[in-house]
Protein backbone atom coordinates (compact mmCIF):
# COMPACT_ATOMS: atom_id res chain seq x y z
CA MET A 1 -0.17 0.28 0.01
CA TYR A 2 2.96 2.50 0.40
CA LYS A 3 5.67 0.96 -0.37
CA SER A 4 6.05 3.91 -3.28
CA PHE A 5 5.89 6.14 -0.59
CA LEU A 6 9.12 4.38 1.22
CA GLU A 7 10.48 4.34 -1.93
CA HIS A 8 10.20 8.12 -2.86
CA LEU A 9 11.35 8.74 0.66
CA GLU A 10 14.74 7.27 0.39
CA GLN A 11 15.30 8.01 -3.07
CA SER A 12 14.16 11.77 -1.84
CA LEU A 13 16.76 11.96 0.85
CA PHE A 14 19.84 9.77 -0.46
CA GLN A 15 19.84 12.45 -3.48
CA ARG A 16 20.01 15.08 -1.02
CA PHE A 17 21.91 13.74 1.89
CA ASP A 18 25.21 12.62 2.59
CA LEU A 19 23.47 10.24 4.52
CA GLN A 20 25.30 7.51 7.22
CA SER A 21 23.49 4.54 9.01
CA ARG A 22 22.41 5.25 12.16
CA PRO A 23 22.62 2.16 14.54
CA ILE A 24 19.18 0.17 15.82
CA PRO A 25 19.33 -1.58 19.01
CA ALA A 26 19.79 -5.12 17.97
CA GLY A 27 16.56 -7.31 17.69
CA LEU A 28 14.56 -4.12 16.92
CA GLU A 29 15.56 -3.72 13.11
CA SER A 30 12.89 -6.38 11.99
CA GLN A 31 10.64 -8.90 13.33
CA VAL A 32 7.78 -11.33 12.23
CA SER A 33 4.46 -11.87 13.94
CA GLU A 34 2.50 -15.33 13.12
CA ARG A 35 0.05 -14.49 15.23
CA GLY A 36 -3.54 -14.40 14.02
CA ARG A 37 -4.22 -14.97 9.99
CA ASN A 38 -2.18 -13.02 8.62
CA PRO A 39 2.00 -12.71 9.64
CA ALA A 40 3.17 -9.43 9.71
CA VAL A 41 6.68 -8.14 9.17
CA ILE A 42 8.03 -5.39 11.04
CA GLN A 43 11.32 -3.90 9.24
CA SER A 44 13.36 -0.43 10.56
CA TRP A 45 15.56 1.75 9.10
CA CYS A 46 17.11 4.35 10.39
CA TYR A 47 20.17 7.19 9.26
CA GLN A 48 21.68 10.83 10.08
CA CYS A 49 23.93 13.66 8.58
CA SER A 50 25.13 16.95 9.71
CA GLU A 51 21.27 18.56 8.50
CA PHE A 52 19.26 15.79 10.74
CA ARG A 53 20.50 13.59 13.65
CA LYS A 54 18.17 10.75 13.09
CA ILE A 55 15.67 9.85 10.01
CA ARG A 56 13.70 6.84 11.13
CA TYR A 57 11.07 4.83 9.27
CA THR A 58 9.10 1.64 10.00
CA TYR A 59 7.08 -0.34 7.60
CA ILE A 60 4.43 -3.12 9.27
CA ASP A 61 3.28 -5.28 6.38
CA ALA A 62 0.60 -7.46 7.44
CA GLY A 63 -0.82 -7.67 3.97
CA ALA A 64 -4.60 -7.40 3.53
CA SER A 65 -5.32 -6.93 7.15
CA ALA A 66 -2.38 -3.66 7.64
CA GLN A 67 -0.84 -1.83 6.54
CA ILE A 68 1.49 1.44 7.85
CA LEU A 69 4.42 3.78 7.16
CA ASN A 70 5.74 5.71 10.21
CA SER A 71 8.46 8.39 10.24
CA VAL A 72 9.82 11.16 12.07
CA VAL A 73 12.71 12.93 11.05
CA TYR A 74 14.27 15.07 13.26
CA PRO A 75 16.70 18.02 12.51
CA SER A 76 20.16 18.79 14.25
CA HIS A 77 20.16 20.10 17.72
CA GLN A 78 21.38 23.56 15.56
CA TYR A 79 18.12 23.81 13.44
CA GLU A 80 15.10 25.11 15.27
CA LEU A 81 12.95 23.31 12.68
CA PRO A 82 9.80 21.48 13.34
CA LEU A 83 9.92 17.72 13.12
CA LEU A 84 8.97 16.38 10.14
CA GLY A 85 6.08 13.25 11.23
CA ILE A 86 4.41 10.85 8.55
CA ASP A 87 1.68 8.54 9.81
CA PHE A 88 -0.34 6.66 6.91
CA LEU A 89 -2.23 3.48 8.35
CA SER A 90 -4.27 1.58 6.41
CA PHE A 91 -6.36 -1.64 7.78
CA GLY A 92 -8.50 -3.83 5.78
CA GLN A 93 -9.75 -2.66 2.47
CA VAL A 94 -11.78 0.48 3.62
CA LYS A 95 -9.90 2.32 6.84
CA ASN A 96 -7.05 4.06 5.78
CA LEU A 97 -6.08 7.16 7.83
CA ILE A 98 -3.05 9.47 6.84
CA VAL A 99 -1.40 12.12 9.29
CA MET A 100 1.42 14.47 7.80
CA ASP A 101 2.91 17.49 9.86
CA PHE A 102 5.58 19.83 10.07
CA GLN A 103 5.65 19.09 13.92
CA PRO A 104 6.66 22.69 15.81
CA LEU A 105 8.68 22.46 18.76
CA PHE A 106 6.88 25.66 20.26
CA GLN A 107 4.05 27.15 20.26
CA ASP A 108 5.03 30.95 20.35
CA GLU A 109 4.03 33.59 17.73
CA ALA A 110 7.03 33.85 16.47
CA TYR A 111 8.02 30.36 15.63
CA LEU A 112 4.98 29.94 14.13
CA ARG A 113 5.47 32.38 11.67
CA LYS A 114 8.62 31.36 10.57
CA TYR A 115 8.63 27.22 10.25
CA ILE A 116 4.52 26.60 9.81
CA TYR A 117 2.77 29.69 8.06
CA PRO A 118 4.88 28.61 5.22
CA LEU A 119 3.38 25.71 5.14
CA LYS A 120 -0.50 27.36 4.63
CA VAL A 121 -0.33 27.89 0.82
CA LEU A 122 1.03 24.29 0.52
CA HIS A 123 -1.87 23.24 3.09
CA ASP A 124 -4.68 25.16 1.34
CA GLN A 125 -4.60 23.07 -2.07
CA TYR A 126 -5.52 20.10 -0.02
CA PRO A 127 -8.89 20.42 1.22
CA ASP A 128 -9.58 16.96 1.16
CA LEU A 129 -6.81 15.61 3.24
CA ALA A 130 -7.41 18.22 6.10
CA GLN A 131 -10.60 16.96 7.74
CA ASN A 132 -10.60 18.32 11.25
CA LEU A 133 -10.57 15.17 12.67
CA GLU A 134 -10.70 14.93 16.54
CA MET A 135 -7.61 13.76 17.88
CA LYS A 136 -8.15 10.89 20.52
CA PHE A 137 -4.99 10.53 22.22
CA TYR A 138 -2.89 13.50 21.71
CA ASP A 139 -3.61 17.33 22.24
CA ALA A 140 -3.90 19.10 18.98
CA ASN A 141 -2.34 22.41 20.16
CA GLN A 142 1.08 20.59 21.43
CA TYR A 143 3.31 18.85 18.83
CA PHE A 144 0.95 19.56 15.55
CA SER A 145 0.10 22.50 13.24
CA LYS A 146 -2.84 23.60 11.81
CA TYR A 147 -1.82 22.64 8.95
CA LEU A 148 -1.30 19.47 9.15
CA LEU A 149 -2.77 16.72 6.63
CA PHE A 150 -5.25 14.60 8.94
CA ALA A 151 -7.71 12.66 7.26
CA LYS A 152 -9.95 9.17 6.54
CA THR A 153 -9.95 8.42 2.87
CA ASP A 154 -10.07 5.10 0.29
CA ARG A 155 -7.46 3.33 -1.12
CA GLU A 156 -7.66 5.61 -5.02
CA THR A 157 -7.30 8.73 -3.19
CA VAL A 158 -4.19 7.33 -1.13
CA LYS A 159 -2.19 6.67 -4.58
CA THR A 160 -3.00 9.90 -5.90
CA ARG A 161 -3.83 12.94 -3.91
CA VAL A 162 -2.03 11.97 -0.82
CA PHE A 163 0.73 10.96 -2.83
CA GLU A 164 1.40 13.85 -4.17
CA ALA A 165 0.27 15.64 -1.07
CA PHE A 166 3.59 13.25 0.52
CA LYS A 167 6.03 14.62 -2.51
CA ASP A 168 4.86 18.40 -2.25
CA TYR A 169 5.28 18.02 2.08
CA LEU A 170 8.80 17.02 1.46
CA ASN A 171 10.25 19.31 -1.09
CA LEU A 172 8.65 22.08 1.32
CA TYR A 173 10.22 20.51 4.29
CA TRP A 174 13.69 20.00 2.56
CA GLN A 175 13.61 23.89 1.07
CA MET A 176 12.49 24.93 4.57
CA LEU A 177 15.91 23.31 5.99
CA GLU A 178 18.06 24.69 2.75
CA ASP A 179 17.17 28.04 4.10
CA ALA A 180 17.54 27.59 7.59
CA LYS A 181 20.98 29.10 9.44
CA PRO A 182 21.98 26.83 12.30
CA LEU A 183 22.31 28.03 15.73
CA THR A 184 25.44 28.92 17.23
CA GLU A 185 24.61 30.06 21.13
CA ALA A 186 25.12 27.25 23.43
CA GLU A 187 22.02 27.94 25.03
CA ASP A 188 19.66 28.22 22.05
CA ILE A 189 20.87 24.62 21.26
CA ARG A 190 20.17 23.67 24.69
CA ARG A 191 16.59 24.68 24.10
CA ILE A 192 16.36 22.82 21.14
CA VAL A 193 17.68 19.60 22.65
CA LYS A 194 14.97 19.98 25.94
CA ALA A 195 12.60 20.47 23.65
CA GLN A 196 12.90 17.25 21.28
CA LYS A 197 13.31 15.23 24.43
CA ASN A 198 10.12 16.74 25.64
CA TYR A 199 8.96 15.66 22.22
CA ASP A 200 9.81 11.69 22.61
CA GLN A 201 8.59 11.78 25.99
CA TYR A 202 5.30 13.35 25.06
CA SER A 203 4.85 11.01 21.95
CA ALA A 204 6.04 7.57 23.45
CA ASP A 205 3.97 8.06 26.75
CA ARG A 206 0.27 8.19 24.12
CA ASP A 207 1.09 6.88 21.24
CA PRO A 208 -1.65 4.02 20.44
CA ALA A 209 0.77 2.30 18.53
CA SER A 210 2.16 0.23 21.59
CA GLY A 211 -0.99 -1.63 21.48
CA LEU A 212 -0.73 -2.92 17.68
CA PHE A 213 2.93 -3.78 18.36
CA SER A 214 2.19 -5.71 21.71
CA SER A 215 -0.40 -7.57 19.15
CA TYR A 216 1.66 -8.35 16.70
CA PHE A 217 4.90 -8.46 18.34
CA GLY A 218 4.33 -9.33 22.25
CA HIS A 219 4.26 -6.75 25.00
CA GLU A 220 8.04 -7.00 25.89
CA TRP A 221 9.47 -6.53 22.02
CA ALA A 222 6.80 -3.26 21.74
CA GLU A 223 8.16 -1.57 25.08
CA LYS A 224 11.62 -2.03 23.79
CA PHE A 225 10.61 -0.65 20.17
CA LEU A 226 9.03 2.04 21.72
CA TYR A 227 11.70 3.56 24.12
CA GLU A 228 14.64 2.18 22.68
CA PHE A 229 14.38 3.09 19.05
CA LEU A 230 11.08 4.86 18.34
CA PHE A 231 11.40 7.50 21.03
CA GLU A 232 14.94 6.87 22.81
CA ASP A 233 14.86 10.01 24.73
CA ALA A 234 11.86 9.03 26.31
CA VAL A 235 11.58 7.72 29.93
CA PRO A 236 9.30 4.54 30.45
CA LEU A 237 6.49 5.62 33.12
CA THR A 238 7.31 3.02 35.27
CA ALA A 239 10.78 3.76 35.05
CA GLY A 240 10.08 7.44 36.19
CA VAL A 241 8.09 6.45 39.17
CA ALA A 242 11.20 4.66 40.20
CA LYS A 243 13.24 7.01 39.93
CA LYS A 244 11.36 9.31 41.91
């Protein structure tokens, strides 16, 4: 379902950046589940370069029952750019959910004007993919922009409109990076380090995919995948309680 998206993402990245492999903890790069009627295969990739400290993407192929592509791109700490977040999920033949956004690290007006408002013109080209759906697990005003694409749609729209929007959002993000000026003050860089860590903690605490990973690959593997790869700067809730 989303293999063409994954291929385009890889092609776009490798054409523009000098990517180096970023280690994935042993046992988390891939996994196969034989649970249920449909075997599920999960595979992840992770890279870094001077512009991005972490580029991760994951594909789950469970045949007709589920197809999922998830990715987050973390700029290097000397850039205050939003994170690039991508989540495309299809279950069965009818349920297709797409989420794509420039995820702001801060919500102050100056930051939004600089890094989020430029997205408006592009966002306005895809009104059918901005359906203002209710967020069940997240606060829409935290780590999301008002120009995110968030929609339930059909398979044909995924192949056409969603794919076009995907390419457009990537191109704008690369252009925004090209125009960005690296931070030089240590205090400014520390602020970005803290903001990205806070994003990981917030996301790990609320990620609804944790239940999906558990159902396919078991709770222990899912917890390691969540805290040691997807959101590696987050502290598991149980560990946080223990520290207190």
